[in-house]
Amino acid sequence: MKKFVCAIMLACAVQMLSLSALPQTALGAPVTGPLTSQELQQLTALNPIDTHTHIFQRSPEFYSMLKKLNLHTLDILVIDGTAPPMNDIAWERKNAWDVAQGSSGRIALCTSFDPYKVGQPGSSGIIY
């Protein structure tokens, strides 16, 4: 176990030394305004994914932003039961699918509940 911990510490130290050897511009400073052309190119090259969104309305501007940033999202469908329309599974499912289908493959949809049990007796509080 001691050897394993030492190996991890050594790997971390090597990683830190390699980062400190990079020029400051390679590490980059936080972006505080609109992206420059170079920053946009660097971001889109990452093929970024936003792993947690709740989107229920189609928007050409939103789709345009996804395309410009080469961004993909994981839209999570959750029934929270607090107020309409967020407690209506049919409304949420229809709108979330519409958004995903209009995204040219940039939005994937997932659920946090078992859609096959929704509507069955006793299933109203089951959230996964």
Protein backbone atom coordinates (compact mmCIF):
# COMPACT_ATOMS: atom_id res chain seq x y z
CA MET A 1 0.00 0.00 0.00
CA LYS A 2 2.87 2.34 0.86
CA LYS A 3 4.39 1.83 -2.60
CA PHE A 4 1.05 2.59 -4.23
CA VAL A 5 0.64 5.87 -2.33
CA CYS A 6 4.22 6.85 -3.19
CA ALA A 7 3.61 6.11 -6.86
CA ILE A 8 0.48 8.29 -6.87
CA MET A 9 2.34 11.14 -5.15
CA LEU A 10 5.18 10.86 -7.67
CA ALA A 11 2.75 10.92 -10.60
CA CYS A 12 1.06 14.04 -9.18
CA ALA A 13 4.41 15.77 -8.70
CA VAL A 14 5.46 14.98 -12.28
CA GLN A 15 2.13 16.32 -13.57
CA MET A 16 2.51 19.54 -11.56
CA LEU A 17 6.07 20.04 -12.81
CA SER A 18 5.00 19.54 -16.41
CA LEU A 19 2.23 22.14 -16.01
CA SER A 20 4.58 24.65 -14.42
CA ALA A 21 6.93 24.27 -17.38
CA LEU A 22 4.24 25.45 -19.80
CA PRO A 23 4.25 29.08 -20.84
CA GLN A 24 1.58 31.15 -19.06
CA THR A 25 -0.35 31.62 -22.31
CA ALA A 26 -0.69 27.83 -22.65
CA LEU A 27 -2.27 27.62 -19.21
CA GLY A 28 -4.52 30.54 -20.06
CA ALA A 29 -6.31 33.01 -17.88
CA PRO A 30 -10.04 32.86 -17.21
CA VAL A 31 -12.12 34.35 -20.02
CA THR A 32 -13.74 37.55 -18.84
CA GLY A 33 -15.52 38.70 -22.00
CA PRO A 34 -16.48 37.45 -25.43
CA LEU A 35 -14.26 34.70 -26.83
CA THR A 36 -11.55 35.73 -29.24
CA SER A 37 -11.34 33.79 -32.51
CA GLN A 38 -8.45 31.77 -31.10
CA GLU A 39 -10.31 30.99 -27.84
CA LEU A 40 -13.41 29.94 -29.78
CA GLN A 41 -11.28 27.67 -31.97
CA GLN A 42 -9.64 26.13 -28.90
CA LEU A 43 -13.03 25.57 -27.21
CA THR A 44 -14.70 24.02 -30.24
CA ALA A 45 -11.70 21.71 -30.74
CA LEU A 46 -12.52 20.15 -27.36
CA ASN A 47 -15.95 19.01 -28.63
CA PRO A 48 -17.41 20.04 -25.25
CA ILE A 49 -20.41 18.39 -23.61
CA ASP A 50 -22.70 20.04 -21.05
CA THR A 51 -23.78 17.04 -19.03
CA HIS A 52 -26.77 18.51 -17.23
CA THR A 53 -29.47 20.61 -18.85
CA HIS A 54 -33.25 20.92 -18.63
CA ILE A 55 -34.48 22.29 -21.97
CA PHE A 56 -38.14 22.28 -23.02
CA GLN A 57 -38.39 24.99 -25.66
CA ARG A 58 -37.05 24.94 -29.21
CA SER A 59 -34.99 27.98 -30.04
CA PRO A 60 -33.09 28.71 -33.26
CA GLU A 61 -30.76 30.97 -31.27
CA PHE A 62 -29.99 28.16 -28.82
CA TYR A 63 -29.34 25.68 -31.64
CA SER A 64 -27.11 28.26 -33.32
CA MET A 65 -25.09 28.68 -30.12
CA LEU A 66 -24.66 24.89 -29.82
CA LYS A 67 -23.39 24.76 -33.39
CA LYS A 68 -21.06 27.76 -33.00
CA LEU A 69 -19.49 26.31 -29.82
CA ASN A 70 -19.55 22.72 -31.19
CA LEU A 71 -21.38 21.96 -27.94
CA HIS A 72 -23.44 18.88 -27.12
CA THR A 73 -25.78 18.59 -24.13
CA LEU A 74 -27.43 15.89 -22.09
CA ASP A 75 -30.99 17.05 -21.42
CA ILE A 76 -32.38 15.46 -18.27
CA LEU A 77 -36.11 14.92 -17.96
CA VAL A 78 -37.30 15.14 -14.35
CA ILE A 79 -40.83 15.33 -13.02
CA ASP A 80 -40.61 17.52 -9.94
CA GLY A 81 -44.31 17.61 -9.12
CA THR A 82 -44.24 21.20 -7.88
CA ALA A 83 -46.37 23.04 -10.40
CA PRO A 84 -47.69 22.84 -13.95
CA PRO A 85 -46.31 22.19 -16.45
CA MET A 86 -43.31 20.63 -14.62
CA ASN A 87 -45.53 17.97 -13.05
CA ASP A 88 -46.99 16.83 -16.37
CA ILE A 89 -44.93 13.99 -17.82
CA ALA A 90 -46.71 14.09 -21.19
CA TRP A 91 -45.94 17.81 -21.62
CA GLU A 92 -42.32 17.45 -20.50
CA ARG A 93 -41.66 14.37 -22.62
CA LYS A 94 -43.18 15.91 -25.78
CA ASN A 95 -41.31 19.19 -25.42
CA ALA A 96 -37.99 17.60 -24.45
CA TRP A 97 -38.18 15.22 -27.45
CA ASP A 98 -39.07 18.14 -29.75
CA VAL A 99 -36.00 20.04 -28.53
CA ALA A 100 -33.71 17.02 -28.94
CA GLN A 101 -35.06 16.14 -32.38
CA GLY A 102 -34.56 19.71 -33.60
CA SER A 103 -30.94 19.87 -32.44
CA SER A 104 -29.24 18.08 -35.36
CA GLY A 105 -27.90 15.49 -32.94
CA ARG A 106 -26.43 17.98 -30.46
CA ILE A 107 -28.89 17.19 -27.64
CA ALA A 108 -29.38 13.74 -26.12
CA LEU A 109 -32.30 13.10 -23.80
CA CYS A 110 -32.32 10.96 -20.67
CA THR A 111 -34.71 10.46 -17.79
CA SER A 112 -34.25 10.09 -14.07
CA PHE A 113 -37.25 7.82 -13.65
CA ASP A 114 -38.51 4.58 -15.11
CA PRO A 115 -40.83 5.73 -17.93
CA TYR A 116 -42.49 2.30 -18.00
CA LYS A 117 -43.71 2.64 -14.40
CA VAL A 118 -45.08 6.17 -14.72
CA GLY A 119 -48.84 6.11 -14.41
CA GLN A 120 -48.90 2.79 -12.59
CA PRO A 121 -50.34 2.75 -9.06
CA GLY A 122 -47.71 3.75 -6.50
CA SER A 123 -45.24 5.09 -9.06
CA SER A 124 -45.76 8.84 -8.50
CA GLY A 125 -42.83 9.24 -6.12
CA ILE A 126 -40.34 6.97 -7.87
CA ILE A 127 -37.41 9.03 -9.11
CA TYR A 128 -34.12 7.39 -10.04
